[in-house]
Amino acid sequence: MARLPIQLSFSAVALAFLACNNCDRSGCEALQHHAEDAGTAVAGVIAYVDDVVANGCLACPLSSAHIEVWEVDEPVDSDEAAQAIVSARDSDVTIEADERYVLELDPGDYLFCAHPYQCTTVEVIEDETLTVHFTWGGSPSYTKGRPDEELEGAPTLQLDEPIE
């Protein structure tokens, strides 16, 4: 009979601990949605996926990133072409994105880099906001989609030399 109160006490302490354990998943939750309409633009969120599960939680908060964008004549379709562009000239646009960002750009093709070694190619269309989310942590990746499309993983262009 003396065990019941002790077991209940341990259960109450464990329950209280779990109830106080905040698991920030705001970044991963935001990755599931398109960016708000911002006109002719690229917009999205930056999320960080932790590589350690703690107390049953894989944290994925909103985060920040240094974004550089190069206007290009056509979509960039190879790692070598991406490296040549970032090595040849400074970016046309540079921002520090804190959780969410909006880049108002002219219609056209762009090389979009939110990581010193990884980029993706984007096409901006008049009066349309292209969603481009960036996730970093264990395995950096881009997710993108037009307003009328599902969001999906975007091809990543791998750079041999970092953007400086």
C-alpha atoms as a PDB file:
ATOM      1  CA  MET A   1       0.000   0.000   0.000  1.00  0.00           C
ATOM      2  CA  ALA A   2       2.850   2.436   0.660  1.00  0.00           C
ATOM      3  CA  ARG A   3       3.965   2.111  -2.946  1.00  0.00           C
ATOM      4  CA  LEU A   4       0.855   3.697  -4.437  1.00  0.00           C
ATOM      5  CA  PRO A   5       1.517   7.225  -3.089  1.00  0.00           C
ATOM      6  CA  ILE A   6       5.178   7.010  -4.150  1.00  0.00           C
ATOM      7  CA  GLN A   7       4.243   5.847  -7.642  1.00  0.00           C
ATOM      8  CA  LEU A   8       1.654   8.597  -7.907  1.00  0.00           C
ATOM      9  CA  SER A   9       4.269  11.151  -6.787  1.00  0.00           C
ATOM     10  CA  PHE A  10       6.737  10.010  -9.455  1.00  0.00           C
ATOM     11  CA  SER A  11       3.975  10.079 -12.068  1.00  0.00           C
ATOM     12  CA  ALA A  12       2.960  13.586 -11.044  1.00  0.00           C
ATOM     13  CA  VAL A  13       6.570  14.835 -11.221  1.00  0.00           C
ATOM     14  CA  ALA A  14       7.089  13.230 -14.664  1.00  0.00           C
ATOM     15  CA  LEU A  15       3.823  14.701 -15.939  1.00  0.00           C
ATOM     16  CA  ALA A  16       4.735  18.157 -14.624  1.00  0.00           C
ATOM     17  CA  PHE A  17       8.175  17.928 -16.275  1.00  0.00           C
ATOM     18  CA  LEU A  18       6.705  16.968 -19.640  1.00  0.00           C
ATOM     19  CA  ALA A  19       4.069  19.695 -19.413  1.00  0.00           C
ATOM     20  CA  CYS A  20       6.799  22.309 -18.844  1.00  0.00           C
ATOM     21  CA  ASN A  21       8.953  21.022 -21.715  1.00  0.00           C
ATOM     22  CA  ASN A  22       8.495  23.473 -24.570  1.00  0.00           C
ATOM     23  CA  CYS A  23       9.335  21.947 -27.921  1.00  0.00           C
ATOM     24  CA  ASP A  24       9.688  24.775 -30.411  1.00  0.00           C
ATOM     25  CA  ARG A  25       8.445  23.410 -33.741  1.00  0.00           C
ATOM     26  CA  SER A  26       7.402  26.816 -35.153  1.00  0.00           C
ATOM     27  CA  GLY A  27       9.912  26.641 -38.001  1.00  0.00           C
ATOM     28  CA  CYS A  28       8.808  23.239 -39.279  1.00  0.00           C
ATOM     29  CA  GLU A  29       5.153  24.222 -38.904  1.00  0.00           C
ATOM     30  CA  ALA A  30       5.760  27.373 -41.002  1.00  0.00           C
ATOM     31  CA  LEU A  31       7.468  25.287 -43.720  1.00  0.00           C
ATOM     32  CA  GLN A  32       4.104  23.668 -44.465  1.00  0.00           C
ATOM     33  CA  HIS A  33       2.533  26.932 -45.696  1.00  0.00           C
ATOM     34  CA  HIS A  34       3.036  29.303 -48.589  1.00  0.00           C
ATOM     35  CA  ALA A  35       4.368  32.779 -47.919  1.00  0.00           C
ATOM     36  CA  GLU A  36       1.833  35.594 -47.906  1.00  0.00           C
ATOM     37  CA  ASP A  37       1.223  37.407 -51.182  1.00  0.00           C
ATOM     38  CA  ALA A  38       3.835  40.138 -51.588  1.00  0.00           C
ATOM     39  CA  GLY A  39       3.377  40.905 -55.289  1.00  0.00           C
ATOM     40  CA  THR A  40       6.291  40.179 -57.609  1.00  0.00           C
ATOM     41  CA  ALA A  41       8.595  38.591 -55.066  1.00  0.00           C
ATOM     42  CA  VAL A  42      10.298  35.644 -53.446  1.00  0.00           C
ATOM     43  CA  ALA A  43       9.320  35.104 -49.809  1.00  0.00           C
ATOM     44  CA  GLY A  44       9.608  32.424 -47.189  1.00  0.00           C
ATOM     45  CA  VAL A  45      10.811  31.318 -43.793  1.00  0.00           C
ATOM     46  CA  ILE A  46      14.136  30.181 -42.395  1.00  0.00           C
ATOM     47  CA  ALA A  47      13.997  27.172 -40.074  1.00  0.00           C
ATOM     48  CA  TYR A  48      16.654  25.310 -38.119  1.00  0.00           C
ATOM     49  CA  VAL A  49      16.197  21.574 -37.574  1.00  0.00           C
ATOM     50  CA  ASP A  50      18.136  20.415 -34.530  1.00  0.00           C
ATOM     51  CA  ASP A  51      19.991  17.152 -34.959  1.00  0.00           C
ATOM     52  CA  VAL A  52      19.383  16.016 -31.372  1.00  0.00           C
ATOM     53  CA  VAL A  53      16.119  14.696 -29.958  1.00  0.00           C
ATOM     54  CA  ALA A  54      15.701  15.850 -26.349  1.00  0.00           C
ATOM     55  CA  ASN A  55      12.840  14.655 -24.158  1.00  0.00           C
ATOM     56  CA  GLY A  56      11.068  13.305 -27.229  1.00  0.00           C
ATOM     57  CA  CYS A  57      11.381  16.649 -29.021  1.00  0.00           C
ATOM     58  CA  LEU A  58      13.162  17.378 -32.284  1.00  0.00           C
ATOM     59  CA  ALA A  59      13.299  21.166 -32.047  1.00  0.00           C
ATOM     60  CA  CYS A  60      12.711  23.107 -35.253  1.00  0.00           C
ATOM     61  CA  PRO A  61      12.447  26.828 -34.474  1.00  0.00           C
ATOM     62  CA  LEU A  62      12.340  29.728 -36.882  1.00  0.00           C
ATOM     63  CA  SER A  63      15.858  30.957 -37.493  1.00  0.00           C
ATOM     64  CA  SER A  64      17.919  33.355 -39.592  1.00  0.00           C
ATOM     65  CA  ALA A  65      20.187  33.229 -42.632  1.00  0.00           C
ATOM     66  CA  HIS A  66      22.335  35.424 -44.837  1.00  0.00           C
ATOM     67  CA  ILE A  67      20.710  35.353 -48.305  1.00  0.00           C
ATOM     68  CA  GLU A  68      22.459  36.326 -51.527  1.00  0.00           C
ATOM     69  CA  VAL A  69      20.731  36.502 -54.917  1.00  0.00           C
ATOM     70  CA  TRP A  70      22.183  36.810 -58.423  1.00  0.00           C
ATOM     71  CA  GLU A  71      20.078  37.755 -61.447  1.00  0.00           C
ATOM     72  CA  VAL A  72      20.884  35.346 -64.298  1.00  0.00           C
ATOM     73  CA  ASP A  73      19.952  35.069 -67.991  1.00  0.00           C
ATOM     74  CA  GLU A  74      18.486  31.554 -67.662  1.00  0.00           C
ATOM     75  CA  PRO A  75      17.848  28.949 -64.972  1.00  0.00           C
ATOM     76  CA  VAL A  76      21.050  27.625 -63.428  1.00  0.00           C
ATOM     77  CA  ASP A  77      21.070  23.861 -63.914  1.00  0.00           C
ATOM     78  CA  SER A  78      24.468  22.667 -62.710  1.00  0.00           C
ATOM     79  CA  ASP A  79      26.775  22.959 -59.729  1.00  0.00           C
ATOM     80  CA  GLU A  80      29.552  24.201 -62.018  1.00  0.00           C
ATOM     81  CA  ALA A  81      27.413  26.993 -63.475  1.00  0.00           C
ATOM     82  CA  ALA A  82      26.358  28.098 -59.978  1.00  0.00           C
ATOM     83  CA  GLN A  83      29.993  28.158 -58.827  1.00  0.00           C
ATOM     84  CA  ALA A  84      31.011  30.199 -61.880  1.00  0.00           C
ATOM     85  CA  ILE A  85      28.321  32.814 -61.144  1.00  0.00           C
ATOM     86  CA  VAL A  86      29.107  33.275 -57.439  1.00  0.00           C
ATOM     87  CA  SER A  87      32.854  33.360 -58.155  1.00  0.00           C
ATOM     88  CA  ALA A  88      32.597  35.873 -61.005  1.00  0.00           C
ATOM     89  CA  ARG A  89      30.736  38.727 -59.331  1.00  0.00           C
ATOM     90  CA  ASP A  90      29.092  40.043 -56.201  1.00  0.00           C
ATOM     91  CA  SER A  91      25.444  39.223 -55.613  1.00  0.00           C
ATOM     92  CA  ASP A  92      22.778  41.626 -56.851  1.00  0.00           C
ATOM     93  CA  VAL A  93      20.806  41.426 -53.589  1.00  0.00           C
ATOM     94  CA  THR A  94      21.981  40.595 -50.072  1.00  0.00           C
ATOM     95  CA  ILE A  95      19.787  40.452 -46.979  1.00  0.00           C
ATOM     96  CA  GLU A  96      19.892  39.143 -43.446  1.00  0.00           C
ATOM     97  CA  ALA A  97      16.680  37.138 -43.117  1.00  0.00           C
ATOM     98  CA  ASP A  98      15.336  36.862 -39.583  1.00  0.00           C
ATOM     99  CA  GLU A  99      12.683  34.122 -39.414  1.00  0.00           C
ATOM    100  CA  ARG A 100      10.691  35.393 -42.433  1.00  0.00           C
ATOM    101  CA  TYR A 101      11.755  37.414 -45.444  1.00  0.00           C
ATOM    102  CA  VAL A 102      10.371  39.059 -48.583  1.00  0.00           C
ATOM    103  CA  LEU A 103      12.515  39.969 -51.593  1.00  0.00           C
ATOM    104  CA  GLU A 104      10.752  42.138 -54.151  1.00  0.00           C
ATOM    105  CA  LEU A 105      12.444  41.262 -57.438  1.00  0.00           C
ATOM    106  CA  ASP A 106      11.860  41.978 -61.110  1.00  0.00           C
ATOM    107  CA  PRO A 107      10.488  39.088 -63.163  1.00  0.00           C
ATOM    108  CA  GLY A 108      13.263  36.788 -64.340  1.00  0.00           C
ATOM    109  CA  ASP A 109      15.633  34.012 -63.321  1.00  0.00           C
ATOM    110  CA  TYR A 110      17.790  34.128 -60.211  1.00  0.00           C
ATOM    111  CA  LEU A 111      20.363  32.085 -58.344  1.00  0.00           C
ATOM    112  CA  PHE A 112      19.216  32.080 -54.699  1.00  0.00           C
ATOM    113  CA  CYS A 113      21.696  31.179 -51.945  1.00  0.00           C
ATOM    114  CA  ALA A 114      20.858  31.024 -48.240  1.00  0.00           C
ATOM    115  CA  HIS A 115      23.872  28.846 -47.405  1.00  0.00           C
ATOM    116  CA  PRO A 116      27.574  29.426 -48.201  1.00  0.00           C
ATOM    117  CA  TYR A 117      27.774  26.110 -50.106  1.00  0.00           C
ATOM    118  CA  GLN A 118      24.215  25.561 -51.382  1.00  0.00           C
ATOM    119  CA  CYS A 119      21.919  27.432 -53.750  1.00  0.00           C
ATOM    120  CA  THR A 120      18.800  26.889 -55.810  1.00  0.00           C
ATOM    121  CA  THR A 121      17.483  28.487 -58.977  1.00  0.00           C
ATOM    122  CA  VAL A 122      14.228  30.466 -58.951  1.00  0.00           C
ATOM    123  CA  GLU A 123      12.014  32.071 -61.570  1.00  0.00           C
ATOM    124  CA  VAL A 124      10.121  35.196 -60.535  1.00  0.00           C
ATOM    125  CA  ILE A 125       6.874  35.866 -62.411  1.00  0.00           C
ATOM    126  CA  GLU A 126       5.054  39.228 -62.606  1.00  0.00           C
ATOM    127  CA  ASP A 127       2.450  39.708 -59.818  1.00  0.00           C
ATOM    128  CA  GLU A 128       3.267  36.369 -58.164  1.00  0.00           C
ATOM    129  CA  THR A 129       4.991  35.542 -54.887  1.00  0.00           C
ATOM    130  CA  LEU A 130       7.171  32.454 -55.164  1.00  0.00           C
ATOM    131  CA  THR A 131       7.592  30.716 -51.815  1.00  0.00           C
ATOM    132  CA  VAL A 132      11.172  29.639 -51.100  1.00  0.00           C
ATOM    133  CA  HIS A 133      11.791  28.243 -47.612  1.00  0.00           C
ATOM    134  CA  PHE A 134      15.263  27.359 -46.372  1.00  0.00           C
ATOM    135  CA  THR A 135      15.951  24.759 -43.694  1.00  0.00           C
ATOM    136  CA  TRP A 136      19.368  24.403 -42.166  1.00  0.00           C
ATOM    137  CA  GLY A 137      20.836  22.192 -39.500  1.00  0.00           C
ATOM    138  CA  GLY A 138      21.882  18.625 -40.156  1.00  0.00           C
ATOM    139  CA  SER A 139      20.875  18.630 -43.827  1.00  0.00           C
ATOM    140  CA  PRO A 140      20.289  22.066 -45.415  1.00  0.00           C
ATOM    141  CA  SER A 141      17.521  22.160 -48.013  1.00  0.00           C
ATOM    142  CA  TYR A 142      15.195  24.394 -49.985  1.00  0.00           C
ATOM    143  CA  THR A 143      11.433  24.009 -50.377  1.00  0.00           C
ATOM    144  CA  LYS A 144       9.573  26.045 -52.969  1.00  0.00           C
ATOM    145  CA  GLY A 145       6.265  26.415 -54.730  1.00  0.00           C
ATOM    146  CA  ARG A 146       4.053  28.791 -56.644  1.00  0.00           C
ATOM    147  CA  PRO A 147       0.798  29.967 -55.012  1.00  0.00           C
ATOM    148  CA  ASP A 148      -1.275  27.383 -56.906  1.00  0.00           C
ATOM    149  CA  GLU A 149       1.176  24.489 -56.390  1.00  0.00           C
ATOM    150  CA  GLU A 150       2.107  22.278 -53.471  1.00  0.00           C
ATOM    151  CA  LEU A 151       5.373  23.089 -51.752  1.00  0.00           C
ATOM    152  CA  GLU A 152       8.086  20.581 -52.582  1.00  0.00           C
ATOM    153  CA  GLY A 153      11.799  20.077 -52.220  1.00  0.00           C
ATOM    154  CA  ALA A 154      13.813  22.188 -54.645  1.00  0.00           C
ATOM    155  CA  PRO A 155      16.939  21.010 -56.452  1.00  0.00           C
ATOM    156  CA  THR A 156      20.048  22.120 -54.579  1.00  0.00           C
ATOM    157  CA  LEU A 157      23.142  23.346 -56.383  1.00  0.00           C
ATOM    158  CA  GLN A 158      26.286  22.409 -54.456  1.00  0.00           C
ATOM    159  CA  LEU A 159      29.233  24.841 -54.473  1.00  0.00           C
ATOM    160  CA  ASP A 160      32.830  23.635 -54.104  1.00  0.00           C
ATOM    161  CA  GLU A 161      34.002  27.001 -52.790  1.00  0.00           C
ATOM    162  CA  PRO A 162      31.940  29.040 -50.305  1.00  0.00           C
ATOM    163  CA  ILE A 163      30.297  32.332 -51.157  1.00  0.00           C
ATOM    164  CA  GLU A 164      32.479  35.112 -49.779  1.00  0.00           C
END
